[in-house]
Amino acid sequence: MASRLSKILKSHNFLSLANNGLVAVLGFFSFVILVRSLPTDEFGEWVLFITTLNFLDMLRFGITRTAIVRFLSGAGEKEGKELIGSNYAINFSTTLLLIIIVVITNLLFPEEIKNSGFSLFFDWFPLVALINLPFNNSLSVLQAKIRFDYILVIRLINVGSFMTFLIVNYFFYQAGIMVIMAAYIITNTLTSLISASLNWDGIRYIFHAKKRTNKIILDFGKYTSGTLIGSNLLKSADTFILGLSPFIGVTGVALYSVPLKLTEILEIPVRSLAMTAFPIMSKASIEGNKDLVKKIYYQYAGGLTYMLLPVLVFSFIFAEEFVTILGGPDYKETASVFRIFCIYGLLIPLDRFTGITLDSINMPKQNFIKVVYMTLANIIGDAIVVFGLYYLILAISIATLIIGVGYTNHEIIIQTASTFTMITVLNLVAMVTILFALVGILVGNFYLKKQLDIKIGLIFSGGLRFFTDFIKKNNQTL
């Protein structure tokens, strides 16, 4: 029994799950403390800062991350150093370019930025981007080497130290958003220093970069970067559009962020198993073993769907309790948003593994096209809901006022319209999420069917084999 437990604890799947799970738990509690530490408008600014930062991180590392994982997994020692060096050089150049763009934008439009919810981001992105470069590079390199134990250590240091500060600050100091930002910078600096000193980020190989390996990464990355950016936009577009609305603003962003955070926790097992499956599927594809690629696709997509089903049903029933625990009583009304996200959760495994399967069989262009369709569906749907619905309701209310159907106070009419819009818009934005997930699954499987003759229906039997194979492997250790 002890050897069986030891084998499970050392497996890549468990380490990846522990990595994402423990980090997500720490991030979850950090989120809870931040909600209670900051006023709603400042918390909305923090959400916009983190969301925009994550989006630009996709721009910085989207070019290289998937490519380095795919090609480094089958590379020799010499080529591996060249690939890691190219990874660092490209990411450093991209970081400098984005910093220049952000600084120039801030100089050209100071008043507009100051009066928006994005001022925190424009003030601090240049410094944060430089500081977290080694940390982010280490995540890519260590994933390619399947060293999820090291990833776990470095991410726990990063998230754990920040959460520790937040706890101390909440109970003893109650410092504001600027002090919290300073702590965020310090914890990222610490993490990057550790990554660089242990060469987990590959900085020592930067001069091993070659034009050939630069080209390999960039040729593959030109599509995967678009895929990662689009994938990030799928999550962040909701926040951006809500933040840009003069009627929803940072208050709507803060309200929406609570059920969205809960949904991210539900994605932990999907994200974890995808991290371990991708290098294996890539290697099988390079070796021409299409049957193994299909087997992993069916088993992981189906198995994860079965695993999530009882969790999603439970979450749907107790949605009010979950959002109240996370955000407090002021966020109770967002329970309906979380219930919609629970329905979306059933589609996450199939959508995620459709994407990584396309990348693993060297079809990044098709995966990029898939994400483009999803992103367009999301942005168009959100824009219609956030901007179109408000003006429609307002127009109806004003028309009702003009014809004088039982109302004498125009302020009551407009206030009622605004309240109705705030309550319903967040739900409708969440419904758009289900729409774009269905679009992605249909488009992605159209390409997979042509290349691998994938049949979506087989994920159900494949999911059952996922569990039977797991039981057989562990019984062999007894």
Protein backbone atom coordinates (compact mmCIF):
# COMPACT_ATOMS: atom_id res chain seq x y z
CA MET A 1 0.00 0.00 0.00
CA ALA A 2 2.84 2.38 0.86
CA SER A 3 4.56 1.79 -2.49
CA ARG A 4 1.27 2.27 -4.30
CA LEU A 5 0.67 5.59 -2.54
CA SER A 6 4.26 6.68 -3.21
CA LYS A 7 3.88 5.94 -6.92
CA ILE A 8 0.66 7.94 -7.12
CA LEU A 9 2.20 10.89 -5.27
CA LYS A 10 5.19 10.93 -7.63
CA SER A 11 3.16 10.60 -10.84
CA HIS A 12 3.11 13.50 -13.28
CA ASN A 13 -0.68 13.69 -13.18
CA PHE A 14 -0.75 13.98 -9.39
CA LEU A 15 2.06 16.54 -9.26
CA SER A 16 0.38 18.61 -11.96
CA LEU A 17 -2.95 18.41 -10.12
CA ALA A 18 -1.26 19.30 -6.82
CA ASN A 19 0.51 22.15 -8.59
CA ASN A 20 -2.66 23.69 -9.96
CA GLY A 21 -4.79 22.67 -6.99
CA LEU A 22 -2.65 24.02 -4.16
CA VAL A 23 -1.78 27.18 -6.05
CA ALA A 24 -5.43 27.72 -6.91
CA VAL A 25 -6.43 27.24 -3.26
CA LEU A 26 -3.87 29.84 -2.18
CA GLY A 27 -4.99 32.13 -4.99
CA PHE A 28 -8.59 31.58 -3.94
CA PHE A 29 -7.92 32.66 -0.36
CA SER A 30 -5.88 35.61 -1.60
CA PHE A 31 -8.87 36.62 -3.69
CA VAL A 32 -11.19 36.30 -0.68
CA ILE A 33 -8.93 38.49 1.45
CA LEU A 34 -8.61 41.09 -1.32
CA VAL A 35 -12.40 41.29 -1.72
CA ARG A 36 -12.69 42.07 1.97
CA SER A 37 -9.62 44.34 2.16
CA LEU A 38 -10.51 46.79 -0.59
CA PRO A 39 -13.56 48.93 -1.39
CA THR A 40 -15.56 47.69 -4.37
CA ASP A 41 -14.21 50.32 -6.76
CA GLU A 42 -10.55 49.67 -5.79
CA PHE A 43 -11.11 45.92 -5.99
CA GLY A 44 -12.51 46.44 -9.49
CA GLU A 45 -9.32 48.34 -10.39
CA TRP A 46 -7.22 45.45 -9.05
CA VAL A 47 -9.21 42.94 -11.13
CA LEU A 48 -8.66 45.06 -14.25
CA PHE A 49 -4.92 45.27 -13.45
CA ILE A 50 -4.54 41.49 -13.06
CA THR A 51 -6.76 40.74 -16.06
CA THR A 52 -4.85 43.11 -18.36
CA LEU A 53 -1.51 41.88 -17.03
CA ASN A 54 -2.47 38.27 -17.75
CA PHE A 55 -3.62 39.22 -21.22
CA LEU A 56 -0.30 40.89 -22.07
CA ASP A 57 1.53 37.92 -20.58
CA MET A 58 -0.19 35.90 -23.26
CA LEU A 59 1.23 38.32 -25.83
CA ARG A 60 4.70 37.96 -24.31
CA PHE A 61 4.84 34.22 -23.74
CA GLY A 62 2.22 32.99 -26.20
CA ILE A 63 4.78 33.08 -28.99
CA THR A 64 7.09 30.65 -27.22
CA ARG A 65 5.32 28.63 -24.50
CA THR A 66 3.54 25.96 -26.51
CA ALA A 67 6.41 25.76 -29.02
CA ILE A 68 9.09 25.24 -26.37
CA VAL A 69 7.03 22.53 -24.67
CA ARG A 70 6.46 20.70 -27.94
CA PHE A 71 10.00 20.83 -29.37
CA LEU A 72 12.03 20.65 -26.14
CA SER A 73 10.24 17.44 -25.10
CA GLY A 74 12.00 15.56 -27.93
CA ALA A 75 15.26 17.54 -28.21
CA GLY A 76 18.82 16.46 -27.40
CA GLU A 77 21.09 18.31 -24.97
CA LYS A 78 22.69 20.69 -27.51
CA GLU A 79 19.47 21.53 -29.31
CA GLY A 80 17.71 21.84 -25.96
CA LYS A 81 20.08 24.60 -24.84
CA GLU A 82 19.58 26.40 -28.14
CA LEU A 83 15.79 26.18 -27.83
CA ILE A 84 15.84 27.43 -24.23
CA GLY A 85 18.17 30.28 -25.23
CA SER A 86 15.87 31.27 -28.08
CA ASN A 87 12.90 31.09 -25.73
CA TYR A 88 14.53 33.60 -23.37
CA ALA A 89 15.77 35.94 -26.10
CA ILE A 90 12.39 36.12 -27.83
CA ASN A 91 10.48 36.67 -24.59
CA PHE A 92 12.89 39.40 -23.48
CA SER A 93 12.48 41.23 -26.81
CA THR A 94 8.70 40.95 -26.68
CA THR A 95 8.65 42.26 -23.12
CA LEU A 96 10.67 45.36 -24.05
CA LEU A 97 8.38 46.05 -27.02
CA LEU A 98 5.23 45.88 -24.88
CA ILE A 99 6.77 48.09 -22.19
CA ILE A 100 7.56 50.74 -24.81
CA ILE A 101 3.98 50.63 -26.16
CA VAL A 102 2.44 50.92 -22.68
CA VAL A 103 4.74 53.79 -21.65
CA ILE A 104 4.05 55.76 -24.87
CA THR A 105 0.29 55.22 -24.50
CA ASN A 106 0.44 56.44 -20.92
CA LEU A 107 2.32 59.56 -21.99
CA LEU A 108 -0.06 60.34 -24.87
CA PHE A 109 -3.33 59.84 -22.97
CA PRO A 110 -2.60 60.62 -19.30
CA GLU A 111 -5.98 62.15 -18.42
CA GLU A 112 -8.05 59.48 -20.17
CA ILE A 113 -6.12 56.70 -18.43
CA LYS A 114 -6.23 58.44 -15.04
CA ASN A 115 -10.02 58.71 -15.25
CA SER A 116 -10.47 55.08 -16.32
CA GLY A 117 -10.29 51.87 -14.33
CA PHE A 118 -7.01 50.96 -16.05
CA SER A 119 -4.72 53.55 -14.42
CA LEU A 120 -3.23 50.99 -12.02
CA PHE A 121 -2.16 48.81 -14.92
CA PHE A 122 -0.53 51.57 -16.97
CA ASP A 123 1.39 52.84 -13.94
CA TRP A 124 2.86 49.51 -12.87
CA PHE A 125 3.02 47.18 -15.89
CA PRO A 126 6.55 48.20 -17.06
CA LEU A 127 8.11 47.28 -13.72
CA VAL A 128 6.05 44.13 -13.17
CA ALA A 129 6.75 42.88 -16.71
CA LEU A 130 10.52 43.02 -16.22
CA ILE A 131 10.38 41.49 -12.76
CA ASN A 132 8.29 38.43 -13.60
CA LEU A 133 10.12 37.56 -16.85
CA PRO A 134 12.42 34.89 -15.28
CA PHE A 135 9.52 33.40 -13.33
CA ASN A 136 7.36 32.98 -16.44
CA ASN A 137 10.24 31.60 -18.50
CA SER A 138 10.87 28.96 -15.84
CA LEU A 139 7.25 27.77 -16.06
CA SER A 140 7.65 27.07 -19.79
CA VAL A 141 11.00 25.29 -19.52
CA LEU A 142 10.01 23.18 -16.52
CA GLN A 143 6.75 22.09 -18.16
CA ALA A 144 8.66 20.98 -21.25
CA LYS A 145 10.95 18.91 -19.00
CA ILE A 146 7.89 17.56 -17.13
CA ARG A 147 9.32 18.84 -13.82
CA PHE A 148 6.03 19.58 -12.16
CA ASP A 149 7.69 19.21 -8.75
CA TYR A 150 9.86 22.26 -9.43
CA ILE A 151 6.90 24.16 -10.88
CA LEU A 152 4.99 23.40 -7.67
CA VAL A 153 7.82 24.79 -5.53
CA ILE A 154 8.24 28.03 -7.48
CA ARG A 155 4.53 28.75 -7.74
CA LEU A 156 3.94 28.04 -4.06
CA ILE A 157 6.68 30.54 -3.21
CA ASN A 158 5.08 33.10 -5.51
CA VAL A 159 1.44 32.75 -4.46
CA GLY A 160 2.13 31.68 -0.88
CA SER A 161 4.28 34.66 0.03
CA PHE A 162 1.73 37.10 -1.41
CA MET A 163 -1.12 35.42 0.45
CA THR A 164 0.87 35.56 3.69
CA PHE A 165 1.26 39.31 3.29
CA LEU A 166 -2.46 39.72 2.56
CA ILE A 167 -3.41 37.83 5.74
CA VAL A 168 -1.06 39.89 7.90
CA ASN A 169 -2.24 43.10 6.26
CA TYR A 170 -5.93 42.24 6.67
CA PHE A 171 -5.73 41.45 10.38
CA PHE A 172 -3.13 43.97 11.52
CA TYR A 173 -2.54 46.87 9.13
CA GLN A 174 -5.41 47.32 6.64
CA ALA A 175 -3.05 49.00 4.15
CA GLY A 176 -4.51 50.21 0.85
CA ILE A 177 -4.07 49.21 -2.76
CA MET A 178 -0.65 50.85 -3.24
CA VAL A 179 0.93 48.87 -0.40
CA ILE A 180 -0.67 45.69 -1.78
CA MET A 181 0.85 46.50 -5.17
CA ALA A 182 4.28 46.93 -3.56
CA ALA A 183 3.94 43.52 -1.90
CA TYR A 184 2.94 41.97 -5.23
CA ILE A 185 6.09 43.37 -6.84
CA ILE A 186 8.32 42.11 -4.00
CA THR A 187 6.91 38.56 -4.15
CA ASN A 188 7.38 38.41 -7.93
CA THR A 189 10.94 39.68 -7.55
CA LEU A 190 11.70 36.95 -5.00
CA THR A 191 10.28 34.24 -7.28
CA SER A 192 12.24 35.42 -10.30
CA LEU A 193 15.50 35.63 -8.34
CA ILE A 194 15.10 32.01 -7.24
CA SER A 195 14.23 30.88 -10.79
CA ALA A 196 17.26 32.65 -12.27
CA SER A 197 19.71 31.49 -9.57
CA LEU A 198 18.72 27.84 -10.14
CA ASN A 199 18.71 28.32 -13.95
CA TRP A 200 15.15 27.06 -14.14
CA ASP A 201 14.39 29.95 -16.50
CA GLY A 202 17.32 29.16 -18.82
CA ILE A 203 18.95 32.59 -18.65
CA ARG A 204 22.43 31.01 -18.83
CA TYR A 205 21.60 29.64 -22.27
CA ILE A 206 20.51 32.93 -23.79
CA PHE A 207 23.70 33.16 -25.88
CA HIS A 208 23.10 29.62 -27.19
CA ALA A 209 20.15 30.97 -29.18
CA LYS A 210 20.46 30.34 -32.93
CA LYS A 211 18.62 31.73 -35.92
CA ARG A 212 17.46 28.19 -36.67
CA THR A 213 15.88 27.65 -33.23
CA ASN A 214 14.48 31.18 -33.27
CA LYS A 215 12.75 30.33 -36.54
CA ILE A 216 11.46 26.99 -35.24
CA ILE A 217 9.83 28.68 -32.25
CA LEU A 218 8.50 31.68 -34.18
CA ASP A 219 7.08 29.61 -37.05
CA PHE A 220 5.15 27.46 -34.62
CA GLY A 221 4.49 30.30 -32.22
CA LYS A 222 2.89 32.67 -34.72
CA TYR A 223 -0.22 30.53 -34.50
CA THR A 224 -0.01 29.33 -30.89
CA SER A 225 0.49 32.92 -29.70
CA GLY A 226 -2.74 33.87 -31.42
CA THR A 227 -4.37 30.82 -29.86
CA LEU A 228 -3.22 31.71 -26.34
CA ILE A 229 -4.14 35.37 -26.79
CA GLY A 230 -7.55 34.38 -28.07
CA SER A 231 -7.98 31.91 -25.20
CA ASN A 232 -7.12 34.63 -22.73
CA LEU A 233 -9.51 37.01 -24.46
CA LEU A 234 -12.26 34.44 -24.02
CA LYS A 235 -11.93 34.97 -20.27
CA SER A 236 -10.81 38.58 -20.12
CA ALA A 237 -13.07 40.06 -22.82
CA ASP A 238 -16.00 39.89 -20.39
CA THR A 239 -14.03 41.91 -17.83
CA PHE A 240 -12.70 44.40 -20.40
CA ILE A 241 -16.10 45.09 -21.93
CA LEU A 242 -17.81 45.40 -18.55
CA GLY A 243 -15.04 47.76 -17.44
CA LEU A 244 -15.41 49.92 -20.54
CA SER A 245 -19.14 50.30 -20.06
CA PRO A 246 -19.98 53.67 -18.46
CA PHE A 247 -23.04 52.08 -16.86
CA ILE A 248 -21.53 48.86 -15.50
CA GLY A 249 -17.94 49.94 -14.78
CA VAL A 250 -15.68 48.72 -12.00
CA THR A 251 -18.65 47.76 -9.81
CA GLY A 252 -19.87 45.29 -12.44
CA VAL A 253 -16.32 44.01 -12.88
CA ALA A 254 -16.04 43.34 -9.15
CA LEU A 255 -19.41 41.55 -9.05
CA TYR A 256 -18.63 39.43 -12.10
CA SER A 257 -15.17 38.47 -10.82
CA VAL A 258 -16.53 36.41 -7.92
CA PRO A 259 -18.42 33.71 -9.90
CA LEU A 260 -15.64 33.83 -12.51
CA LYS A 261 -13.07 33.01 -9.81
CA LEU A 262 -15.16 30.07 -8.65
CA THR A 263 -15.27 28.79 -12.24
CA GLU A 264 -11.48 28.97 -12.48
CA ILE A 265 -11.29 26.63 -9.49
CA LEU A 266 -13.52 24.14 -11.31
CA GLU A 267 -11.04 24.21 -14.20
CA ILE A 268 -8.13 23.02 -12.05
CA PRO A 269 -8.31 19.28 -12.91
CA VAL A 270 -8.74 20.07 -16.61
CA ARG A 271 -5.75 22.41 -16.66
CA SER A 272 -3.64 19.95 -14.66
CA LEU A 273 -4.23 16.91 -16.84
CA ALA A 274 -3.86 19.00 -20.00
CA MET A 275 -0.36 20.02 -18.84
CA THR A 276 0.70 16.39 -18.48
CA ALA A 277 -1.11 15.11 -21.58
CA PHE A 278 0.27 17.66 -24.05
CA PRO A 279 3.97 16.60 -24.00
CA ILE A 280 2.93 12.91 -24.23
CA MET A 281 0.56 13.59 -27.14
CA SER A 282 3.20 15.69 -28.89
CA LYS A 283 5.79 12.92 -28.59
CA ALA A 284 3.30 10.34 -29.87
CA SER A 285 2.47 12.59 -32.82
CA ILE A 286 6.15 13.11 -33.68
CA GLU A 287 6.61 9.32 -33.62
CA GLY A 288 3.60 8.86 -35.91
CA ASN A 289 1.47 7.11 -33.27
CA LYS A 290 -1.93 8.62 -34.10
CA ASP A 291 -3.81 5.88 -32.26
CA LEU A 292 -2.20 6.89 -28.97
CA VAL A 293 -3.10 10.53 -29.61
CA LYS A 294 -6.74 9.57 -30.20
CA LYS A 295 -6.77 7.31 -27.13
CA ILE A 296 -5.53 10.11 -24.87
CA TYR A 297 -8.03 12.53 -26.38
CA TYR A 298 -11.01 10.23 -25.79
CA GLN A 299 -9.96 9.12 -22.32
CA TYR A 300 -8.97 12.48 -20.89
CA ALA A 301 -11.86 14.50 -22.38
CA GLY A 302 -14.40 11.89 -21.31
CA GLY A 303 -12.84 11.08 -17.94
CA LEU A 304 -12.66 14.72 -16.93
CA THR A 305 -16.28 15.29 -17.96
CA TYR A 306 -17.37 12.45 -15.67
CA MET A 307 -15.18 13.81 -12.85
CA LEU A 308 -16.61 17.32 -13.11
CA LEU A 309 -20.28 16.32 -13.39
CA PRO A 310 -21.01 15.67 -9.66
CA VAL A 311 -18.94 18.73 -8.66
CA LEU A 312 -20.87 20.95 -11.06
CA VAL A 313 -24.25 19.63 -9.91
CA PHE A 314 -23.28 20.27 -6.27
CA SER A 315 -22.00 23.75 -7.14
CA PHE A 316 -25.19 24.56 -9.07
CA ILE A 317 -27.37 23.64 -6.08
CA PHE A 318 -25.32 25.58 -3.53
CA ALA A 319 -24.33 28.50 -5.75
CA GLU A 320 -25.58 31.15 -3.32
CA GLU A 321 -23.56 29.71 -0.48
CA PHE A 322 -20.38 29.57 -2.59
CA VAL A 323 -20.52 33.16 -3.85
CA THR A 324 -21.37 34.41 -0.36
CA ILE A 325 -18.42 32.56 1.18
CA LEU A 326 -16.08 33.97 -1.45
CA GLY A 327 -17.30 37.54 -1.78
CA GLY A 328 -19.58 38.16 1.18
CA PRO A 329 -23.32 38.99 1.29
CA ASP A 330 -22.93 41.89 -1.15
CA TYR A 331 -22.17 39.37 -3.91
CA LYS A 332 -25.07 36.99 -3.22
CA GLU A 333 -27.00 38.18 -6.28
CA THR A 334 -24.26 36.80 -8.57
CA ALA A 335 -25.27 33.22 -7.72
CA SER A 336 -27.25 33.09 -10.97
CA VAL A 337 -24.08 33.95 -12.90
CA PHE A 338 -22.22 31.08 -11.21
CA ARG A 339 -25.03 28.64 -12.04
CA ILE A 340 -24.65 29.53 -15.72
CA PHE A 341 -20.91 28.96 -15.43
CA CYS A 342 -21.64 25.51 -13.97
CA ILE A 343 -23.41 24.56 -17.21
CA TYR A 344 -20.44 25.90 -19.16
CA GLY A 345 -18.16 23.73 -17.00
CA LEU A 346 -19.49 20.57 -18.66
CA LEU A 347 -18.03 21.77 -21.97
CA ILE A 348 -14.58 22.70 -20.64
CA PRO A 349 -12.85 19.27 -20.90
CA LEU A 350 -13.92 18.65 -24.49
CA ASP A 351 -13.04 22.16 -25.60
CA ARG A 352 -9.63 22.14 -23.86
CA PHE A 353 -8.54 18.74 -25.20
CA THR A 354 -9.75 19.57 -28.68
CA GLY A 355 -7.33 22.49 -28.64
CA ILE A 356 -4.27 20.72 -27.23
CA THR A 357 -4.81 17.78 -29.59
CA LEU A 358 -4.66 20.14 -32.58
CA ASP A 359 -1.40 21.63 -31.25
CA SER A 360 0.09 18.22 -30.47
CA ILE A 361 -0.43 16.95 -34.06
CA ASN A 362 1.23 20.10 -35.43
CA MET A 363 -1.97 21.88 -36.44
CA PRO A 364 -1.53 25.17 -34.53
CA LYS A 365 -3.04 27.14 -37.41
CA GLN A 366 -6.29 25.21 -37.14
CA ASN A 367 -6.35 25.65 -33.36
CA PHE A 368 -5.81 29.36 -33.88
CA ILE A 369 -8.75 29.48 -36.30
CA LYS A 370 -10.87 27.64 -33.72
CA VAL A 371 -10.03 30.22 -31.06
CA VAL A 372 -10.67 33.11 -33.48
CA TYR A 373 -14.22 31.88 -34.03
CA MET A 374 -14.71 31.51 -30.28
CA THR A 375 -13.29 34.95 -29.51
CA LEU A 376 -15.41 36.67 -32.15
CA ALA A 377 -18.53 34.96 -30.81
CA ASN A 378 -17.65 36.10 -27.30
CA ILE A 379 -16.77 39.71 -28.11
CA ILE A 380 -19.78 40.25 -30.39
CA GLY A 381 -22.12 38.60 -27.90
CA ASP A 382 -20.73 40.61 -24.98
CA ALA A 383 -20.90 43.89 -26.90
CA ILE A 384 -24.54 43.29 -27.81
CA VAL A 385 -25.42 42.40 -24.24
CA VAL A 386 -23.43 45.08 -22.40
CA PHE A 387 -24.04 48.05 -24.67
CA GLY A 388 -27.06 47.14 -26.80
CA LEU A 389 -29.32 45.89 -24.02
CA TYR A 390 -28.82 48.93 -21.82
CA TYR A 391 -29.75 51.39 -24.56
CA LEU A 392 -32.73 49.25 -25.54
CA ILE A 393 -34.10 49.20 -21.99
CA LEU A 394 -33.37 52.88 -21.51
CA ALA A 395 -35.15 53.74 -24.76
CA ILE A 396 -38.21 51.73 -23.72
CA SER A 397 -38.21 53.43 -20.32
CA ILE A 398 -37.95 56.91 -21.81
CA ALA A 399 -40.69 56.10 -24.30
CA THR A 400 -42.86 54.95 -21.40
CA LEU A 401 -42.15 58.23 -19.63
CA ILE A 402 -43.04 60.30 -22.69
CA ILE A 403 -46.40 58.69 -23.20
CA GLY A 404 -47.01 58.99 -19.44
CA VAL A 405 -48.09 55.49 -18.57
CA GLY A 406 -48.43 55.82 -14.81
CA TYR A 407 -45.08 57.49 -14.11
CA THR A 408 -44.28 60.98 -12.97
CA ASN A 409 -40.63 60.79 -11.89
CA HIS A 410 -38.16 60.21 -14.74
CA GLU A 411 -35.33 59.46 -12.27
CA ILE A 412 -37.23 56.42 -10.96
CA ILE A 413 -37.64 55.16 -14.52
CA ILE A 414 -33.94 55.50 -15.35
CA GLN A 415 -32.85 54.02 -12.03
CA THR A 416 -35.11 51.01 -12.54
CA ALA A 417 -33.68 50.50 -16.02
CA SER A 418 -30.13 50.70 -14.68
CA THR A 419 -30.84 48.17 -11.92
CA PHE A 420 -32.47 45.78 -14.33
CA THR A 421 -29.54 46.12 -16.69
CA MET A 422 -26.92 45.45 -13.99
CA ILE A 423 -28.70 42.31 -12.79
CA THR A 424 -29.45 40.84 -16.21
CA VAL A 425 -26.31 41.84 -18.13
CA LEU A 426 -23.99 39.77 -15.94
CA ASN A 427 -26.19 36.71 -16.49
CA LEU A 428 -26.36 37.24 -20.24
CA VAL A 429 -22.59 37.76 -20.48
CA ALA A 430 -22.17 34.40 -18.74
CA MET A 431 -24.59 32.79 -21.22
CA VAL A 432 -22.41 33.98 -24.09
CA THR A 433 -19.66 31.81 -22.55
CA ILE A 434 -21.70 28.68 -23.29
CA LEU A 435 -22.18 29.84 -26.87
CA PHE A 436 -18.49 30.35 -27.63
CA ALA A 437 -17.57 27.00 -26.02
CA LEU A 438 -19.98 25.19 -28.36
CA VAL A 439 -18.53 27.08 -31.34
CA GLY A 440 -15.01 26.01 -30.35
CA ILE A 441 -15.93 22.35 -29.95
CA LEU A 442 -17.66 22.21 -33.34
CA VAL A 443 -14.87 24.00 -35.23
CA GLY A 444 -12.07 22.08 -33.50
CA ASN A 445 -13.61 18.68 -34.07
CA PHE A 446 -14.22 19.54 -37.73
CA TYR A 447 -10.42 19.72 -38.14
CA LEU A 448 -9.71 16.70 -35.93
CA LYS A 449 -12.15 14.56 -37.84
CA LYS A 450 -10.33 15.32 -41.11
CA GLN A 451 -6.89 14.51 -39.62
CA LEU A 452 -7.58 11.78 -37.05
CA ASP A 453 -11.16 10.70 -37.84
CA ILE A 454 -12.19 11.79 -34.34
CA LYS A 455 -15.73 10.93 -33.23
CA ILE A 456 -17.01 13.02 -30.32
CA GLY A 457 -19.36 10.29 -29.13
CA LEU A 458 -16.41 8.04 -28.25
CA ILE A 459 -15.36 10.31 -25.39
CA PHE A 460 -18.05 8.68 -23.22
CA SER A 461 -16.65 5.17 -23.56
CA GLY A 462 -13.14 6.61 -23.51
CA GLY A 463 -13.93 8.32 -20.22
CA LEU A 464 -14.88 4.98 -18.67
CA ARG A 465 -11.58 3.47 -19.89
CA PHE A 466 -9.78 6.40 -18.24
CA PHE A 467 -10.92 5.12 -14.85
CA THR A 468 -10.47 1.40 -15.59
CA ASP A 469 -6.91 1.99 -16.84
CA PHE A 470 -6.12 4.06 -13.74
CA ILE A 471 -7.38 1.25 -11.47
CA LYS A 472 -5.41 -1.40 -13.38
CA LYS A 473 -2.15 0.57 -13.23
CA ASN A 474 -2.45 1.07 -9.48
CA ASN A 475 -3.44 -2.56 -8.81
CA GLN A 476 -0.21 -3.64 -10.52
CA THR A 477 1.80 -1.93 -7.79
CA LEU A 478 0.21 -3.98 -5.00
